[in-house]
Amino acid sequence: MTHIEVFFGVLVFIFGLIGLVRGFLKELGVTTVMLFVLFFLNLSEQRLGGGLTKLAGMLGKVAGTTDSNLVQTWFFIIVIVGAAFISYQGETLAYGGKAPPGVYGAILGWLTGLLNGYLIAGSIWYYMDKLNYPIKWLGFTKDQLSSLAKTLVGFLPTAFLGREIVSNVNLLLILTALLLLARVIR
């Protein structure tokens, strides 16, 4: 099996290619949605505490498993992938204006796509790591992480952007607010 950082790096690269094709302004809409979803997940995770564990226990009974971490991991994956799917599919939240022409526009689209890949794939990795890699068929375990992967875990979106800056305000909230403000004020 391949290293986890290679697996998620390839996913981020694929999102970069998607951003290259879709363009900068459409990708910013996805970034806004993903930052909002990650902020909400981070907030609910802190606020609900044991409630999510109880929910996972109830869902586990329905799904036929007693592994609370597995149910919680699938819950977070479904929410993140669902939000990404909805924000990419159909009528999307796109920013107004005209995309920069030529190479400059392509580079901006690619970079924003990479950012979205980081937010989506990195958040899935964060919750897998936090819940001790319960999806065994992927072949990732905490004890098999390389030193690079162990270092990267601290820079995954929710771990890095979810840090509290000032009195219950984290970077996810600030970035989401700024992007929404940029969407409203043109």
N, C-alpha and C. Protein backbone atom coordinates (compact mmCIF):
# COMPACT_ATOMS: atom_id res chain seq x y z
N MET A 1 0.84 -1.18 0.00
CA MET A 1 0.00 0.00 0.00
C MET A 1 0.89 1.24 0.00
N THR A 2 0.40 2.28 -0.57
CA THR A 2 1.15 3.52 -0.67
C THR A 2 1.06 4.33 0.62
N HIS A 3 1.93 5.29 0.76
CA HIS A 3 1.91 6.16 1.94
C HIS A 3 0.70 7.08 1.87
N ILE A 4 0.18 7.43 3.02
CA ILE A 4 -1.04 8.25 3.10
C ILE A 4 -0.82 9.64 2.51
N GLU A 5 0.38 10.19 2.69
CA GLU A 5 0.63 11.53 2.16
C GLU A 5 0.66 11.52 0.63
N VAL A 6 1.06 10.41 0.02
CA VAL A 6 1.05 10.29 -1.44
C VAL A 6 -0.39 10.18 -1.93
N PHE A 7 -1.18 9.35 -1.25
CA PHE A 7 -2.58 9.16 -1.61
C PHE A 7 -3.34 10.48 -1.58
N PHE A 8 -3.22 11.23 -0.49
CA PHE A 8 -3.94 12.49 -0.39
C PHE A 8 -3.29 13.57 -1.24
N GLY A 9 -2.01 13.49 -1.49
CA GLY A 9 -1.35 14.42 -2.40
C GLY A 9 -1.88 14.28 -3.82
N VAL A 10 -2.12 13.04 -4.24
CA VAL A 10 -2.69 12.80 -5.57
C VAL A 10 -4.11 13.38 -5.65
N LEU A 11 -4.88 13.20 -4.58
CA LEU A 11 -6.23 13.78 -4.56
C LEU A 11 -6.18 15.30 -4.67
N VAL A 12 -5.27 15.94 -3.96
CA VAL A 12 -5.13 17.40 -4.02
C VAL A 12 -4.74 17.82 -5.44
N PHE A 13 -3.83 17.08 -6.06
CA PHE A 13 -3.40 17.37 -7.43
C PHE A 13 -4.58 17.27 -8.40
N ILE A 14 -5.43 16.26 -8.22
CA ILE A 14 -6.60 16.10 -9.09
C ILE A 14 -7.54 17.29 -8.94
N PHE A 15 -7.74 17.75 -7.69
CA PHE A 15 -8.57 18.94 -7.48
C PHE A 15 -7.93 20.17 -8.13
N GLY A 16 -6.61 20.22 -8.15
CA GLY A 16 -5.92 21.31 -8.83
C GLY A 16 -6.24 21.32 -10.32
N LEU A 17 -6.27 20.14 -10.92
CA LEU A 17 -6.63 20.04 -12.34
C LEU A 17 -8.08 20.45 -12.57
N ILE A 18 -8.95 20.07 -11.66
CA ILE A 18 -10.35 20.47 -11.77
C ILE A 18 -10.46 22.00 -11.70
N GLY A 19 -9.71 22.60 -10.79
CA GLY A 19 -9.70 24.06 -10.66
C GLY A 19 -9.17 24.73 -11.91
N LEU A 20 -8.18 24.12 -12.54
CA LEU A 20 -7.62 24.64 -13.78
C LEU A 20 -8.70 24.71 -14.87
N VAL A 21 -9.55 23.69 -14.92
CA VAL A 21 -10.59 23.62 -15.94
C VAL A 21 -11.77 24.54 -15.60
N ARG A 22 -12.18 24.55 -14.32
CA ARG A 22 -13.38 25.31 -13.93
C ARG A 22 -13.14 26.80 -13.82
N GLY A 23 -11.96 27.19 -13.43
CA GLY A 23 -11.66 28.60 -13.30
C GLY A 23 -11.72 29.10 -11.87
N PHE A 24 -11.06 30.21 -11.69
CA PHE A 24 -10.84 30.82 -10.38
C PHE A 24 -12.13 31.22 -9.67
N LEU A 25 -13.05 31.85 -10.37
CA LEU A 25 -14.25 32.39 -9.73
C LEU A 25 -15.20 31.29 -9.25
N LYS A 26 -15.34 30.23 -10.03
CA LYS A 26 -16.18 29.10 -9.60
C LYS A 26 -15.53 28.36 -8.43
N GLU A 27 -14.22 28.22 -8.47
CA GLU A 27 -13.52 27.51 -7.40
C GLU A 27 -13.59 28.27 -6.08
N LEU A 28 -13.62 29.61 -6.14
CA LEU A 28 -13.77 30.39 -4.91
C LEU A 28 -15.10 30.10 -4.22
N GLY A 29 -16.13 29.83 -5.00
CA GLY A 29 -17.42 29.46 -4.43
C GLY A 29 -17.33 28.15 -3.66
N VAL A 30 -16.62 27.18 -4.21
CA VAL A 30 -16.41 25.91 -3.52
C VAL A 30 -15.59 26.13 -2.25
N THR A 31 -14.58 26.98 -2.33
CA THR A 31 -13.75 27.28 -1.16
C THR A 31 -14.61 27.85 -0.04
N THR A 32 -15.51 28.76 -0.38
CA THR A 32 -16.39 29.37 0.61
C THR A 32 -17.26 28.32 1.29
N VAL A 33 -17.87 27.46 0.48
CA VAL A 33 -18.73 26.41 1.04
C VAL A 33 -17.93 25.47 1.93
N MET A 34 -16.76 25.06 1.47
CA MET A 34 -15.97 24.10 2.25
C MET A 34 -15.47 24.72 3.56
N LEU A 35 -15.08 25.98 3.52
CA LEU A 35 -14.65 26.64 4.76
C LEU A 35 -15.81 26.73 5.75
N PHE A 36 -17.00 27.04 5.25
CA PHE A 36 -18.17 27.10 6.11
C PHE A 36 -18.48 25.73 6.71
N VAL A 37 -18.44 24.68 5.91
CA VAL A 37 -18.71 23.33 6.40
C VAL A 37 -17.67 22.91 7.43
N LEU A 38 -16.40 23.20 7.16
CA LEU A 38 -15.35 22.84 8.11
C LEU A 38 -15.48 23.63 9.41
N PHE A 39 -15.87 24.89 9.30
CA PHE A 39 -16.12 25.69 10.50
C PHE A 39 -17.26 25.07 11.31
N PHE A 40 -18.34 24.71 10.63
CA PHE A 40 -19.48 24.11 11.31
C PHE A 40 -19.09 22.78 11.97
N LEU A 41 -18.35 21.93 11.25
CA LEU A 41 -17.92 20.65 11.82
C LEU A 41 -17.01 20.88 13.02
N ASN A 42 -16.10 21.82 12.91
CA ASN A 42 -15.19 22.13 14.01
C ASN A 42 -15.96 22.65 15.22
N LEU A 43 -16.91 23.52 14.97
CA LEU A 43 -17.72 24.09 16.04
C LEU A 43 -18.59 23.02 16.69
N SER A 44 -19.25 22.21 15.88
CA SER A 44 -20.14 21.19 16.43
C SER A 44 -19.35 20.12 17.16
N GLU A 45 -18.18 19.81 16.68
CA GLU A 45 -17.33 18.82 17.34
C GLU A 45 -16.93 19.30 18.73
N GLN A 46 -16.61 20.57 18.85
CA GLN A 46 -16.24 21.13 20.15
C GLN A 46 -17.45 21.29 21.05
N ARG A 47 -18.56 21.74 20.50
CA ARG A 47 -19.74 22.04 21.31
C ARG A 47 -20.51 20.78 21.71
N LEU A 48 -20.62 19.84 20.81
CA LEU A 48 -21.44 18.66 21.08
C LEU A 48 -20.72 17.61 21.92
N GLY A 49 -19.42 17.55 21.81
CA GLY A 49 -18.65 16.60 22.61
C GLY A 49 -19.16 15.19 22.50
N GLY A 50 -19.73 14.70 23.57
CA GLY A 50 -20.20 13.32 23.63
C GLY A 50 -21.43 13.05 22.79
N GLY A 51 -22.15 14.10 22.40
CA GLY A 51 -23.35 13.90 21.60
C GLY A 51 -23.07 13.21 20.28
N LEU A 52 -21.96 13.56 19.67
CA LEU A 52 -21.58 12.93 18.40
C LEU A 52 -21.23 11.46 18.62
N THR A 53 -20.63 11.16 19.77
CA THR A 53 -20.32 9.77 20.10
C THR A 53 -21.61 8.97 20.29
N LYS A 54 -22.60 9.57 20.97
CA LYS A 54 -23.90 8.91 21.16
C LYS A 54 -24.60 8.71 19.82
N LEU A 55 -24.54 9.73 18.97
CA LEU A 55 -25.12 9.62 17.64
C LEU A 55 -24.45 8.50 16.86
N ALA A 56 -23.14 8.43 16.96
CA ALA A 56 -22.39 7.37 16.28
C ALA A 56 -22.80 6.00 16.82
N GLY A 57 -23.03 5.93 18.11
CA GLY A 57 -23.48 4.67 18.70
C GLY A 57 -24.84 4.25 18.17
N MET A 58 -25.77 5.20 18.06
CA MET A 58 -27.10 4.90 17.52
C MET A 58 -27.02 4.50 16.06
N LEU A 59 -26.23 5.25 15.27
CA LEU A 59 -26.07 4.92 13.86
C LEU A 59 -25.38 3.58 13.69
N GLY A 60 -24.45 3.29 14.62
CA GLY A 60 -23.74 2.01 14.58
C GLY A 60 -24.68 0.83 14.78
N LYS A 61 -25.68 1.00 15.64
CA LYS A 61 -26.65 -0.08 15.85
C LYS A 61 -27.43 -0.34 14.57
N VAL A 62 -27.78 0.74 13.88
CA VAL A 62 -28.52 0.60 12.62
C VAL A 62 -27.61 -0.04 11.56
N ALA A 63 -26.34 0.39 11.53
CA ALA A 63 -25.41 -0.12 10.52
C ALA A 63 -24.84 -1.49 10.90
N GLY A 64 -25.05 -1.92 12.13
CA GLY A 64 -24.58 -3.23 12.55
C GLY A 64 -23.13 -3.26 12.99
N THR A 65 -22.61 -2.16 13.50
CA THR A 65 -21.24 -2.13 13.99
C THR A 65 -21.21 -1.51 15.38
N THR A 66 -20.24 -1.92 16.16
CA THR A 66 -20.10 -1.35 17.50
C THR A 66 -18.93 -0.38 17.57
N ASP A 67 -18.23 -0.20 16.45
CA ASP A 67 -17.07 0.68 16.41
C ASP A 67 -17.53 2.13 16.23
N SER A 68 -17.55 2.88 17.32
CA SER A 68 -18.00 4.27 17.30
C SER A 68 -17.10 5.13 16.42
N ASN A 69 -15.79 4.87 16.45
CA ASN A 69 -14.86 5.65 15.62
C ASN A 69 -15.12 5.45 14.13
N LEU A 70 -15.47 4.22 13.74
CA LEU A 70 -15.76 3.94 12.34
C LEU A 70 -17.00 4.71 11.89
N VAL A 71 -18.04 4.71 12.71
CA VAL A 71 -19.27 5.42 12.36
C VAL A 71 -19.01 6.92 12.31
N GLN A 72 -18.26 7.45 13.27
CA GLN A 72 -17.95 8.88 13.28
C GLN A 72 -17.13 9.26 12.05
N THR A 73 -16.16 8.43 11.68
CA THR A 73 -15.34 8.70 10.50
C THR A 73 -16.20 8.76 9.25
N TRP A 74 -17.09 7.79 9.09
CA TRP A 74 -17.96 7.79 7.93
C TRP A 74 -18.90 8.98 7.95
N PHE A 75 -19.36 9.39 9.12
CA PHE A 75 -20.21 10.58 9.23
C PHE A 75 -19.47 11.80 8.69
N PHE A 76 -18.23 12.01 9.15
CA PHE A 76 -17.46 13.17 8.70
C PHE A 76 -17.14 13.08 7.21
N ILE A 77 -16.80 11.90 6.73
CA ILE A 77 -16.50 11.73 5.31
C ILE A 77 -17.73 12.05 4.46
N ILE A 78 -18.88 11.54 4.88
CA ILE A 78 -20.11 11.78 4.11
C ILE A 78 -20.46 13.26 4.10
N VAL A 79 -20.31 13.94 5.23
CA VAL A 79 -20.62 15.37 5.28
C VAL A 79 -19.67 16.16 4.38
N ILE A 80 -18.37 15.86 4.46
CA ILE A 80 -17.37 16.59 3.67
C ILE A 80 -17.53 16.31 2.18
N VAL A 81 -17.64 15.05 1.82
CA VAL A 81 -17.79 14.69 0.41
C VAL A 81 -19.14 15.18 -0.12
N GLY A 82 -20.18 15.09 0.71
CA GLY A 82 -21.49 15.59 0.30
C GLY A 82 -21.47 17.09 0.02
N ALA A 83 -20.84 17.84 0.92
CA ALA A 83 -20.73 19.29 0.72
C ALA A 83 -19.92 19.61 -0.53
N ALA A 84 -18.84 18.86 -0.75
CA ALA A 84 -18.03 19.08 -1.95
C ALA A 84 -18.82 18.76 -3.21
N PHE A 85 -19.55 17.66 -3.18
CA PHE A 85 -20.34 17.27 -4.34
C PHE A 85 -21.40 18.33 -4.66
N ILE A 86 -22.10 18.77 -3.63
CA ILE A 86 -23.15 19.78 -3.83
C ILE A 86 -22.55 21.09 -4.34
N SER A 87 -21.40 21.48 -3.79
CA SER A 87 -20.82 22.76 -4.21
C SER A 87 -20.20 22.70 -5.61
N TYR A 88 -19.85 21.51 -6.09
CA TYR A 88 -19.33 21.38 -7.44
C TYR A 88 -20.43 21.13 -8.47
N GLN A 89 -21.53 20.52 -8.05
CA GLN A 89 -22.57 20.08 -8.97
C GLN A 89 -23.58 21.19 -9.25
N GLY A 90 -24.03 21.27 -10.48
CA GLY A 90 -25.14 22.15 -10.84
C GLY A 90 -24.84 23.63 -10.69
N GLU A 91 -25.85 24.37 -10.29
CA GLU A 91 -25.73 25.81 -10.08
C GLU A 91 -24.91 26.05 -8.83
N THR A 92 -23.74 26.60 -9.00
CA THR A 92 -22.82 26.73 -7.88
C THR A 92 -22.72 28.17 -7.41
N LEU A 93 -22.15 28.34 -6.25
CA LEU A 93 -21.86 29.67 -5.72
C LEU A 93 -20.61 30.17 -6.42
N ALA A 94 -20.79 30.98 -7.45
CA ALA A 94 -19.65 31.51 -8.19
C ALA A 94 -19.54 33.00 -7.89
N TYR A 95 -18.35 33.47 -7.88
CA TYR A 95 -18.10 34.89 -7.64
C TYR A 95 -18.26 35.65 -8.95
N GLY A 96 -18.80 36.86 -8.85
CA GLY A 96 -19.01 37.69 -10.02
C GLY A 96 -17.71 38.27 -10.52
N GLY A 97 -17.79 38.84 -11.68
CA GLY A 97 -16.61 39.45 -12.27
C GLY A 97 -16.11 38.65 -13.45
N LYS A 98 -15.00 39.10 -13.96
CA LYS A 98 -14.41 38.44 -15.12
C LYS A 98 -13.10 37.80 -14.68
N ALA A 99 -12.96 36.54 -15.02
CA ALA A 99 -11.73 35.83 -14.67
C ALA A 99 -10.54 36.44 -15.40
N PRO A 100 -9.38 36.48 -14.77
CA PRO A 100 -8.19 36.99 -15.45
C PRO A 100 -7.89 36.15 -16.70
N PRO A 101 -7.50 36.78 -17.76
CA PRO A 101 -7.25 36.05 -19.00
C PRO A 101 -5.90 35.32 -19.00
N GLY A 102 -5.83 34.31 -19.85
CA GLY A 102 -4.57 33.64 -20.13
C GLY A 102 -3.99 32.83 -18.99
N VAL A 103 -2.68 32.84 -18.95
CA VAL A 103 -1.93 32.02 -18.00
C VAL A 103 -2.23 32.43 -16.56
N TYR A 104 -2.37 33.71 -16.31
CA TYR A 104 -2.63 34.20 -14.96
C TYR A 104 -3.94 33.61 -14.42
N GLY A 105 -4.98 33.59 -15.23
CA GLY A 105 -6.26 33.02 -14.83
C GLY A 105 -6.17 31.52 -14.61
N ALA A 106 -5.41 30.85 -15.49
CA ALA A 106 -5.24 29.40 -15.34
C ALA A 106 -4.49 29.07 -14.05
N ILE A 107 -3.47 29.83 -13.73
CA ILE A 107 -2.70 29.60 -12.51
C ILE A 107 -3.58 29.85 -11.27
N LEU A 108 -4.38 30.91 -11.30
CA LEU A 108 -5.28 31.19 -10.18
C LEU A 108 -6.30 30.07 -10.01
N GLY A 109 -6.85 29.56 -11.10
CA GLY A 109 -7.79 28.45 -11.04
C GLY A 109 -7.14 27.20 -10.47
N TRP A 110 -5.91 26.92 -10.93
CA TRP A 110 -5.17 25.74 -10.46
C TRP A 110 -4.86 25.86 -8.97
N LEU A 111 -4.41 27.04 -8.53
CA LEU A 111 -4.10 27.24 -7.11
C LEU A 111 -5.34 27.14 -6.23
N THR A 112 -6.45 27.70 -6.70
CA THR A 112 -7.68 27.61 -5.92
C THR A 112 -8.18 26.17 -5.89
N GLY A 113 -8.02 25.45 -6.97
CA GLY A 113 -8.36 24.02 -6.99
C GLY A 113 -7.50 23.23 -6.02
N LEU A 114 -6.21 23.56 -5.97
CA LEU A 114 -5.32 22.90 -5.00
C LEU A 114 -5.78 23.20 -3.57
N LEU A 115 -6.17 24.44 -3.32
CA LEU A 115 -6.68 24.81 -2.00
C LEU A 115 -7.92 24.01 -1.65
N ASN A 116 -8.84 23.87 -2.60
CA ASN A 116 -10.04 23.07 -2.36
C ASN A 116 -9.69 21.61 -2.11
N GLY A 117 -8.73 21.08 -2.85
CA GLY A 117 -8.28 19.71 -2.61
C GLY A 117 -7.70 19.55 -1.22
N TYR A 118 -6.92 20.54 -0.81
CA TYR A 118 -6.36 20.54 0.55
C TYR A 118 -7.47 20.55 1.58
N LEU A 119 -8.49 21.38 1.37
CA LEU A 119 -9.59 21.47 2.33
C LEU A 119 -10.40 20.17 2.38
N ILE A 120 -10.67 19.57 1.24
CA ILE A 120 -11.51 18.37 1.19
C ILE A 120 -10.72 17.14 1.62
N ALA A 121 -9.65 16.82 0.90
CA ALA A 121 -8.88 15.62 1.21
C ALA A 121 -8.19 15.73 2.57
N GLY A 122 -7.68 16.91 2.88
CA GLY A 122 -7.00 17.10 4.16
C GLY A 122 -7.94 16.96 5.34
N SER A 123 -9.19 17.39 5.18
CA SER A 123 -10.16 17.25 6.27
C SER A 123 -10.53 15.79 6.50
N ILE A 124 -10.65 15.06 5.42
CA ILE A 124 -10.92 13.62 5.56
C ILE A 124 -9.76 12.96 6.28
N TRP A 125 -8.53 13.29 5.90
CA TRP A 125 -7.35 12.73 6.56
C TRP A 125 -7.34 13.12 8.04
N TYR A 126 -7.69 14.38 8.34
CA TYR A 126 -7.70 14.85 9.73
C TYR A 126 -8.63 13.99 10.59
N TYR A 127 -9.86 13.76 10.10
CA TYR A 127 -10.80 12.99 10.90
C TYR A 127 -10.41 11.52 10.96
N MET A 128 -9.81 11.00 9.90
CA MET A 128 -9.31 9.62 9.96
C MET A 128 -8.22 9.51 11.02
N ASP A 129 -7.32 10.49 11.06
CA ASP A 129 -6.24 10.47 12.05
C ASP A 129 -6.79 10.65 13.46
N LYS A 130 -7.69 11.58 13.62
CA LYS A 130 -8.26 11.87 14.94
C LYS A 130 -8.98 10.66 15.51
N LEU A 131 -9.63 9.90 14.65
CA LEU A 131 -10.41 8.74 15.08
C LEU A 131 -9.64 7.43 14.89
N ASN A 132 -8.33 7.52 14.74
CA ASN A 132 -7.41 6.38 14.75
C ASN A 132 -7.55 5.44 13.54
N TYR A 133 -7.80 6.00 12.35
CA TYR A 133 -7.82 5.26 11.09
C TYR A 133 -8.68 4.00 11.16
N PRO A 134 -9.98 4.15 11.44
CA PRO A 134 -10.82 2.96 11.62
C PRO A 134 -11.22 2.25 10.32
N ILE A 135 -11.02 2.88 9.17
CA ILE A 135 -11.36 2.24 7.90
C ILE A 135 -10.16 1.38 7.50
N LYS A 136 -10.18 0.15 7.94
CA LYS A 136 -9.01 -0.73 7.82
C LYS A 136 -8.68 -1.12 6.38
N TRP A 137 -9.67 -1.23 5.50
CA TRP A 137 -9.39 -1.70 4.15
C TRP A 137 -8.60 -0.69 3.32
N LEU A 138 -8.49 0.54 3.80
CA LEU A 138 -7.63 1.52 3.13
C LEU A 138 -6.15 1.23 3.37
N GLY A 139 -5.86 0.53 4.46
CA GLY A 139 -4.49 0.14 4.75
C GLY A 139 -3.67 1.18 5.49
N PHE A 140 -4.31 2.23 5.99
CA PHE A 140 -3.59 3.27 6.74
C PHE A 140 -3.77 3.04 8.23
N THR A 141 -2.67 3.10 8.96
CA THR A 141 -2.71 3.00 10.41
C THR A 141 -1.76 4.03 11.00
N LYS A 142 -2.01 4.39 12.24
CA LYS A 142 -1.21 5.42 12.90
C LYS A 142 0.24 4.98 13.07
N ASP A 143 0.46 3.70 13.32
CA ASP A 143 1.83 3.22 13.55
C ASP A 143 2.64 3.10 12.27
N GLN A 144 1.99 3.14 11.11
CA GLN A 144 2.71 3.04 9.84
C GLN A 144 2.95 4.39 9.17
N LEU A 145 2.60 5.48 9.85
CA LEU A 145 2.80 6.80 9.27
C LEU A 145 4.29 7.12 9.17
N SER A 146 4.67 7.70 8.06
CA SER A 146 6.05 8.15 7.90
C SER A 146 6.26 9.42 8.73
N SER A 147 7.50 9.82 8.88
CA SER A 147 7.77 11.04 9.65
C SER A 147 7.18 12.26 8.95
N LEU A 148 7.17 12.25 7.62
CA LEU A 148 6.55 13.35 6.87
C LEU A 148 5.05 13.41 7.16
N ALA A 149 4.38 12.25 7.13
CA ALA A 149 2.94 12.21 7.39
C ALA A 149 2.63 12.68 8.81
N LYS A 150 3.45 12.30 9.76
CA LYS A 150 3.24 12.73 11.15
C LYS A 150 3.37 14.24 11.27
N THR A 151 4.28 14.81 10.50
CA THR A 151 4.45 16.26 10.50
C THR A 151 3.27 16.94 9.82
N LEU A 152 2.82 16.38 8.70
CA LEU A 152 1.72 16.98 7.93
C LEU A 152 0.40 16.97 8.69
N VAL A 153 0.21 16.02 9.60
CA VAL A 153 -1.05 15.93 10.35
C VAL A 153 -1.33 17.24 11.09
N GLY A 154 -0.31 17.89 11.58
CA GLY A 154 -0.50 19.16 12.28
C GLY A 154 -0.88 20.31 11.36
N PHE A 155 -0.74 20.12 10.05
CA PHE A 155 -1.06 21.17 9.08
C PHE A 155 -2.29 20.85 8.25
N LEU A 156 -3.04 19.83 8.65
CA LEU A 156 -4.29 19.52 7.96
C LEU A 156 -5.31 20.61 8.27
N PRO A 157 -6.28 20.84 7.38
CA PRO A 157 -7.14 22.02 7.49
C PRO A 157 -7.79 22.25 8.86
N THR A 158 -8.45 21.26 9.41
CA THR A 158 -9.15 21.50 10.66
C THR A 158 -8.18 21.67 11.81
N ALA A 159 -7.06 20.97 11.77
CA ALA A 159 -6.06 21.11 12.83
C ALA A 159 -5.39 22.48 12.74
N PHE A 160 -5.09 22.92 11.53
CA PHE A 160 -4.36 24.16 11.32
C PHE A 160 -5.27 25.38 11.37
N LEU A 161 -6.34 25.35 10.59
CA LEU A 161 -7.25 26.49 10.50
C LEU A 161 -8.25 26.55 11.65
N GLY A 162 -8.45 25.43 12.33
CA GLY A 162 -9.41 25.37 13.42
C GLY A 162 -8.86 25.82 14.76
N ARG A 163 -7.60 26.19 14.79
CA ARG A 163 -7.00 26.66 16.04
C ARG A 163 -7.65 27.97 16.46
N GLU A 164 -7.87 28.07 17.74
CA GLU A 164 -8.47 29.29 18.27
C GLU A 164 -7.44 30.41 18.26
N ILE A 165 -7.82 31.54 17.69
CA ILE A 165 -6.92 32.69 17.63
C ILE A 165 -7.19 33.62 18.81
N VAL A 166 -8.44 34.06 18.91
CA VAL A 166 -8.84 34.97 19.97
C VAL A 166 -10.21 34.54 20.48
N SER A 167 -10.34 34.27 21.74
CA SER A 167 -11.63 34.08 22.42
C SER A 167 -12.69 33.40 21.55
N ASN A 168 -12.55 32.11 21.32
CA ASN A 168 -13.49 31.29 20.55
C ASN A 168 -13.62 31.68 19.08
N VAL A 169 -12.69 32.42 18.56
CA VAL A 169 -12.68 32.77 17.14
C VAL A 169 -11.49 32.06 16.51
N ASN A 170 -11.78 31.28 15.46
CA ASN A 170 -10.68 30.59 14.79
C ASN A 170 -10.55 31.07 13.35
N LEU A 171 -9.50 30.63 12.71
CA LEU A 171 -9.20 31.07 11.36
C LEU A 171 -10.27 30.64 10.36
N LEU A 172 -10.93 29.49 10.60
CA LEU A 172 -12.00 29.05 9.71
C LEU A 172 -13.13 30.08 9.67
N LEU A 173 -13.49 30.60 10.82
CA LEU A 173 -14.54 31.61 10.88
C LEU A 173 -14.12 32.88 10.17
N ILE A 174 -12.91 33.33 10.41
CA ILE A 174 -12.42 34.57 9.79
C ILE A 174 -12.36 34.44 8.27
N LEU A 175 -11.80 33.32 7.77
CA LEU A 175 -11.69 33.13 6.32
C LEU A 175 -13.07 33.00 5.67
N THR A 176 -13.99 32.28 6.34
CA THR A 176 -15.35 32.15 5.80
C THR A 176 -16.02 33.51 5.73
N ALA A 177 -15.90 34.28 6.78
CA ALA A 177 -16.51 35.62 6.81
C ALA A 177 -15.93 36.51 5.72
N LEU A 178 -14.62 36.47 5.53
CA LEU A 178 -13.98 37.29 4.50
C LEU A 178 -14.44 36.89 3.10
N LEU A 179 -14.54 35.59 2.84
CA LEU A 179 -14.98 35.15 1.51
C LEU A 179 -16.45 35.49 1.28
N LEU A 180 -17.28 35.36 2.30
CA LEU A 180 -18.68 35.75 2.14
C LEU A 180 -18.81 37.25 1.93
N LEU A 181 -18.01 38.01 2.65
CA LEU A 181 -18.00 39.46 2.48
C LEU A 181 -17.56 39.84 1.06
N ALA A 182 -16.55 39.16 0.55
CA ALA A 182 -16.08 39.42 -0.80
C ALA A 182 -17.15 39.05 -1.83
N ARG A 183 -17.96 38.06 -1.52
CA ARG A 183 -19.05 37.64 -2.42
C ARG A 183 -20.15 38.70 -2.46
N VAL A 184 -20.45 39.27 -1.30
CA VAL A 184 -21.53 40.25 -1.20
C VAL A 184 -21.10 41.61 -1.74
N ILE A 185 -19.91 42.05 -1.36
CA ILE A 185 -19.40 43.35 -1.80
C ILE A 185 -18.64 43.15 -3.10
N ARG A 186 -19.13 43.68 -4.17
CA ARG A 186 -18.44 43.49 -5.45
C ARG A 186 -17.94 44.81 -5.95
